[in-house]
Amino acid sequence: MPNSENAPARRTPWQVTRSVWYAMFMREAISRTMADRMGWFWMIAEPMAFTLIMVAIRGFISGDRFIVNAEFIPWMITGLMGFFLIREGMMRALGAVNANSALFAYRQVQPVDPVLVRNVLEGLLRTFIFLLFIVGALMLGTDMVPDNGIRAMFWWLSLWGLGLGLGLVTSVAGTLVPEVATVVKMINMPLLILSGVIFPLNNLPHWLLEYLMYNPIVHGLELLRVSFFEGYQVVNGTSATYFWMFTLATLAIGLLMHVRFKERLKAK
């Protein structure tokens, strides 16, 4: 009989899952940062160029006279970085299942794994870019250090959670129904405008604001901003409870969709 003492210890399901996530994370990280010689440059230059364009357009239209207790440029950058965190979490998840379909031949790999890994990687990259913006602003003499650092980190992670929840939902819906992916890509720019990223929504008529406040991104961005700027006047109706109810609902629905349609996702 073989000596059972020399047999390798059987790994627990958590150890297997952790190994899968680590391998996929390294694969995604190398693909994002090393596949293109200019990968790191564009990763930083793209949001910087977009931010500068938005700041220039917004400043040309109305300057900063509508921002209460917050400087215009830091207010704009904070909103853009928060919005990008949610948007990229949702967009990167759209193609995650199809891009890793070959890996589903291994029974340890599930369709939800690439979605989770991509969102974690995107969160780390967006955090790094945001820190670069803060350091750059300080070097240029603009104070972007949050007045309440703990609260700012909490709401930054909360926005990442919303992006993950939306990503879980769109990764299933966009894979099973390709038209959904097209619609999600089309609503990016309208969502940017309707989320109060470029201009404060408090200046809109009350009847219109009531409808816009159904958008959870508005609540998340305003709560992130108030943690950066003490005394900042948030949009009327901003609610942390509503934001978290929506975020937890999308996380639960997204995970349930992955469980329900796991085999169909593997067959795609």
Protein backbone atom coordinates (compact mmCIF):
# COMPACT_ATOMS: atom_id res chain seq x y z
CA MET A 1 0.00 0.00 0.00
CA PRO A 2 1.27 3.53 -0.75
CA ASN A 3 2.39 5.52 2.21
CA SER A 4 -0.46 7.94 2.97
CA GLU A 5 1.89 10.11 5.01
CA ASN A 6 3.80 11.09 1.84
CA ALA A 7 0.65 11.91 -0.14
CA PRO A 8 0.13 15.62 -0.81
CA ALA A 9 -2.44 17.28 1.42
CA ARG A 10 -5.76 17.88 -0.26
CA ARG A 11 -6.45 21.58 -0.75
CA THR A 12 -9.59 23.15 0.62
CA PRO A 13 -12.12 24.78 -1.77
CA TRP A 14 -11.03 28.21 -0.49
CA GLN A 15 -7.37 27.46 -1.27
CA VAL A 16 -8.32 26.36 -4.78
CA THR A 17 -10.43 29.48 -5.35
CA ARG A 18 -7.68 31.73 -4.01
CA SER A 19 -5.15 30.13 -6.37
CA VAL A 20 -7.52 30.61 -9.31
CA TRP A 21 -8.08 34.27 -8.44
CA TYR A 22 -4.37 34.92 -8.02
CA ALA A 23 -3.50 33.32 -11.37
CA MET A 24 -6.28 35.22 -13.15
CA PHE A 25 -5.31 38.47 -11.42
CA MET A 26 -1.69 38.19 -12.58
CA ARG A 27 -2.90 37.32 -16.10
CA GLU A 28 -5.19 40.36 -16.21
CA ALA A 29 -2.60 42.68 -14.66
CA ILE A 30 0.06 41.69 -17.18
CA SER A 31 -2.42 42.02 -20.02
CA ARG A 32 -3.51 45.50 -18.91
CA THR A 33 -0.08 46.93 -18.13
CA MET A 34 2.50 45.01 -20.17
CA ALA A 35 0.76 43.96 -23.40
CA ASP A 36 1.27 47.44 -24.87
CA ARG A 37 4.51 49.40 -24.46
CA MET A 38 2.41 52.53 -23.91
CA GLY A 39 -0.05 50.80 -21.60
CA TRP A 40 0.95 52.65 -18.44
CA PHE A 41 1.11 55.97 -20.27
CA TRP A 42 -2.40 55.72 -21.71
CA MET A 43 -3.77 54.44 -18.43
CA ILE A 44 -2.78 57.76 -16.85
CA ALA A 45 -2.97 60.08 -19.85
CA GLU A 46 -6.51 59.14 -20.89
CA PRO A 47 -8.31 60.17 -17.65
CA MET A 48 -6.01 63.18 -17.32
CA ALA A 49 -6.81 64.43 -20.83
CA PHE A 50 -10.53 63.80 -20.34
CA THR A 51 -10.48 65.62 -17.01
CA LEU A 52 -8.65 68.62 -18.46
CA ILE A 53 -11.12 68.84 -21.35
CA MET A 54 -14.12 68.66 -19.00
CA VAL A 55 -12.60 71.25 -16.66
CA ALA A 56 -11.92 73.59 -19.60
CA ILE A 57 -15.45 73.21 -21.02
CA ARG A 58 -17.13 73.63 -17.65
CA GLY A 59 -14.95 76.60 -16.75
CA PHE A 60 -15.65 78.28 -20.08
CA ILE A 61 -19.41 77.84 -19.69
CA SER A 62 -19.95 78.98 -16.13
CA GLY A 63 -16.77 79.02 -14.10
CA ASP A 64 -17.04 77.89 -10.47
CA ARG A 65 -19.67 80.23 -9.13
CA PHE A 66 -22.22 77.44 -8.59
CA ILE A 67 -20.03 75.27 -6.31
CA VAL A 68 -20.80 75.88 -2.64
CA ASN A 69 -17.87 75.45 -0.20
CA ALA A 70 -15.71 73.58 -2.71
CA GLU A 71 -13.15 74.65 -5.28
CA PHE A 72 -14.20 73.93 -8.83
CA ILE A 73 -11.25 71.85 -10.11
CA PRO A 74 -10.97 69.50 -7.08
CA TRP A 75 -14.77 69.15 -7.10
CA MET A 76 -14.72 68.16 -10.76
CA ILE A 77 -11.78 65.77 -10.42
CA THR A 78 -13.33 64.01 -7.43
CA GLY A 79 -16.57 63.45 -9.33
CA LEU A 80 -14.83 62.25 -12.48
CA MET A 81 -12.59 59.80 -10.63
CA GLY A 82 -15.57 58.38 -8.73
CA PHE A 83 -17.60 58.07 -11.92
CA PHE A 84 -14.72 56.39 -13.78
CA LEU A 85 -14.41 53.86 -10.95
CA ILE A 86 -18.06 52.84 -11.37
CA ARG A 87 -18.04 53.03 -15.16
CA GLU A 88 -14.90 50.94 -15.64
CA GLY A 89 -16.11 48.36 -13.13
CA MET A 90 -19.23 47.98 -15.26
CA MET A 91 -17.55 48.16 -18.66
CA ARG A 92 -14.63 45.83 -17.91
CA ALA A 93 -17.09 43.22 -16.69
CA LEU A 94 -18.98 43.24 -20.00
CA GLY A 95 -16.34 41.28 -21.87
CA ALA A 96 -14.90 39.35 -18.94
CA VAL A 97 -16.83 36.13 -19.53
CA ASN A 98 -16.17 35.88 -23.27
CA ALA A 99 -12.51 36.86 -22.91
CA ASN A 100 -11.90 34.01 -20.46
CA SER A 101 -14.19 31.38 -21.98
CA ALA A 102 -11.27 29.04 -22.73
CA LEU A 103 -10.50 28.82 -19.01
CA PHE A 104 -13.93 27.38 -18.24
CA ALA A 105 -12.63 24.00 -19.44
CA TYR A 106 -11.10 23.79 -15.96
CA ARG A 107 -13.83 22.97 -13.47
CA GLN A 108 -12.19 25.19 -10.82
CA VAL A 109 -12.84 28.30 -12.93
CA GLN A 110 -16.35 29.77 -12.83
CA PRO A 111 -17.77 32.60 -14.99
CA VAL A 112 -17.98 34.89 -11.96
CA ASP A 113 -14.23 34.64 -11.31
CA PRO A 114 -12.99 36.86 -14.18
CA VAL A 115 -15.63 39.47 -13.32
CA LEU A 116 -14.48 39.67 -9.70
CA VAL A 117 -10.81 39.70 -10.66
CA ARG A 118 -11.25 42.43 -13.26
CA ASN A 119 -13.14 44.62 -10.82
CA VAL A 120 -10.49 44.23 -8.13
CA LEU A 121 -7.74 45.07 -10.62
CA GLU A 122 -9.68 48.04 -11.95
CA GLY A 123 -10.29 49.30 -8.41
CA LEU A 124 -6.57 49.16 -7.62
CA LEU A 125 -5.60 50.91 -10.86
CA ARG A 126 -8.22 53.66 -10.42
CA THR A 127 -7.11 54.19 -6.82
CA PHE A 128 -3.51 54.58 -7.98
CA ILE A 129 -4.55 57.07 -10.68
CA PHE A 130 -6.66 59.06 -8.19
CA LEU A 131 -3.70 59.27 -5.82
CA LEU A 132 -1.56 60.55 -8.70
CA PHE A 133 -4.15 63.28 -9.34
CA ILE A 134 -4.12 64.25 -5.66
CA VAL A 135 -0.32 64.41 -5.55
CA GLY A 136 -0.21 66.32 -8.85
CA ALA A 137 -2.78 68.83 -7.60
CA LEU A 138 -0.77 69.38 -4.41
CA MET A 139 2.40 70.00 -6.46
CA LEU A 140 0.49 72.62 -8.46
CA GLY A 141 -0.71 74.34 -5.28
CA THR A 142 -4.28 72.99 -5.26
CA ASP A 143 -5.42 71.33 -2.05
CA MET A 144 -7.09 68.00 -2.84
CA VAL A 145 -6.44 66.24 0.46
CA PRO A 146 -9.80 65.03 1.85
CA ASP A 147 -11.01 66.79 4.98
CA ASN A 148 -12.18 63.42 6.33
CA GLY A 149 -9.81 60.74 5.06
CA ILE A 150 -11.54 57.73 6.65
CA ARG A 151 -14.90 58.79 5.26
CA ALA A 152 -13.37 59.41 1.83
CA MET A 153 -11.86 55.91 1.76
CA PHE A 154 -15.18 54.40 2.83
CA TRP A 155 -17.13 56.09 0.05
CA TRP A 156 -14.42 55.33 -2.50
CA LEU A 157 -14.77 51.63 -1.62
CA SER A 158 -18.55 52.04 -1.68
CA LEU A 159 -18.41 53.36 -5.25
CA TRP A 160 -16.24 50.40 -6.17
CA GLY A 161 -18.91 48.13 -4.65
CA LEU A 162 -21.57 49.73 -6.84
CA GLY A 163 -19.38 49.25 -9.91
CA LEU A 164 -18.91 45.59 -8.95
CA GLY A 165 -22.65 45.08 -8.52
CA LEU A 166 -23.44 46.65 -11.88
CA GLY A 167 -20.59 44.67 -13.44
CA LEU A 168 -21.97 41.37 -12.14
CA VAL A 169 -25.36 42.14 -13.65
CA THR A 170 -24.11 43.43 -17.01
CA SER A 171 -21.57 40.60 -17.38
CA VAL A 172 -24.41 38.07 -17.43
CA ALA A 173 -26.95 40.14 -19.34
CA GLY A 174 -24.39 41.39 -21.88
CA THR A 175 -23.05 37.88 -22.55
CA LEU A 176 -26.44 36.22 -22.98
CA VAL A 177 -28.01 39.16 -24.85
CA PRO A 178 -25.34 41.04 -26.89
CA GLU A 179 -27.70 43.98 -27.47
CA VAL A 180 -27.50 44.75 -23.74
CA ALA A 181 -23.76 45.39 -24.07
CA THR A 182 -24.44 47.86 -26.89
CA VAL A 183 -27.01 49.74 -24.80
CA VAL A 184 -24.67 49.90 -21.79
CA LYS A 185 -21.92 51.41 -23.94
CA MET A 186 -24.34 53.96 -25.40
CA ILE A 187 -25.53 55.29 -22.03
CA ASN A 188 -22.03 56.12 -20.76
CA MET A 189 -22.01 59.76 -21.81
CA PRO A 190 -25.64 60.52 -20.83
CA LEU A 191 -24.94 58.89 -17.47
CA LEU A 192 -21.90 61.13 -17.02
CA ILE A 193 -24.06 64.22 -17.47
CA LEU A 194 -27.03 62.98 -15.45
CA SER A 195 -24.88 61.93 -12.48
CA GLY A 196 -23.85 65.47 -11.56
CA VAL A 197 -20.23 64.93 -12.56
CA ILE A 198 -19.85 68.06 -14.69
CA PHE A 199 -22.26 70.48 -13.01
CA PRO A 200 -24.07 70.55 -9.63
CA LEU A 201 -27.62 69.25 -9.87
CA ASN A 202 -28.92 71.61 -7.20
CA ASN A 203 -29.40 74.24 -9.90
CA LEU A 204 -31.93 72.11 -11.78
CA PRO A 205 -35.70 72.47 -11.33
CA HIS A 206 -37.10 70.44 -8.45
CA TRP A 207 -39.40 68.37 -10.68
CA LEU A 208 -36.41 67.24 -12.78
CA LEU A 209 -34.15 66.67 -9.79
CA GLU A 210 -36.69 64.26 -8.30
CA TYR A 211 -36.21 61.93 -11.27
CA LEU A 212 -32.43 62.29 -11.41
CA MET A 213 -32.15 61.28 -7.76
CA TYR A 214 -33.24 57.77 -8.69
CA ASN A 215 -29.71 57.44 -10.07
CA PRO A 216 -27.60 55.93 -7.24
CA ILE A 217 -24.37 57.30 -8.74
CA VAL A 218 -25.49 60.82 -7.79
CA HIS A 219 -25.76 59.82 -4.14
CA GLY A 220 -22.38 58.08 -4.11
CA LEU A 221 -20.51 60.95 -5.77
CA GLU A 222 -22.06 63.56 -3.51
CA LEU A 223 -21.17 61.58 -0.39
CA LEU A 224 -17.62 61.17 -1.67
CA ARG A 225 -17.37 64.91 -2.33
CA VAL A 226 -18.66 65.91 1.10
CA SER A 227 -15.90 63.80 2.63
CA PHE A 228 -13.35 65.80 0.64
CA PHE A 229 -14.84 69.25 1.21
CA GLU A 230 -16.09 70.04 4.69
CA GLY A 231 -19.21 72.17 4.53
CA TYR A 232 -19.95 71.20 0.92
CA GLN A 233 -23.67 71.48 0.17
CA VAL A 234 -24.76 68.13 -1.25
CA VAL A 235 -27.60 67.77 -3.73
CA ASN A 236 -31.00 67.86 -2.04
CA GLY A 237 -32.23 64.35 -1.33
CA THR A 238 -28.80 62.67 -1.13
CA SER A 239 -29.18 59.46 0.89
CA ALA A 240 -26.57 56.95 2.02
CA THR A 241 -29.38 54.48 2.77
CA TYR A 242 -30.71 54.60 -0.79
CA PHE A 243 -27.20 54.21 -2.20
CA TRP A 244 -26.47 51.12 -0.12
CA MET A 245 -29.88 49.58 -0.73
CA PHE A 246 -29.28 49.85 -4.47
CA THR A 247 -25.67 48.63 -4.21
CA LEU A 248 -26.54 45.58 -2.10
CA ALA A 249 -29.47 44.79 -4.39
CA THR A 250 -27.28 44.83 -7.51
CA LEU A 251 -24.63 42.70 -5.78
CA ALA A 252 -27.24 40.13 -4.75
CA ILE A 253 -28.98 40.10 -8.14
CA GLY A 254 -25.66 39.85 -9.98
CA LEU A 255 -24.46 36.90 -7.90
CA LEU A 256 -27.83 35.15 -8.26
CA MET A 257 -27.69 35.65 -12.04
CA HIS A 258 -24.24 34.07 -12.15
CA VAL A 259 -25.49 31.07 -10.16
CA ARG A 260 -28.64 30.72 -12.27
CA PHE A 261 -26.98 31.05 -15.69
CA LYS A 262 -23.58 29.50 -14.90
CA GLU A 263 -23.87 26.66 -17.42
CA ARG A 264 -25.17 28.91 -20.19
CA LEU A 265 -22.28 31.31 -19.62
CA LYS A 266 -19.79 28.45 -19.84
CA ALA A 267 -21.36 27.26 -23.10
CA LYS A 268 -21.08 30.68 -24.77
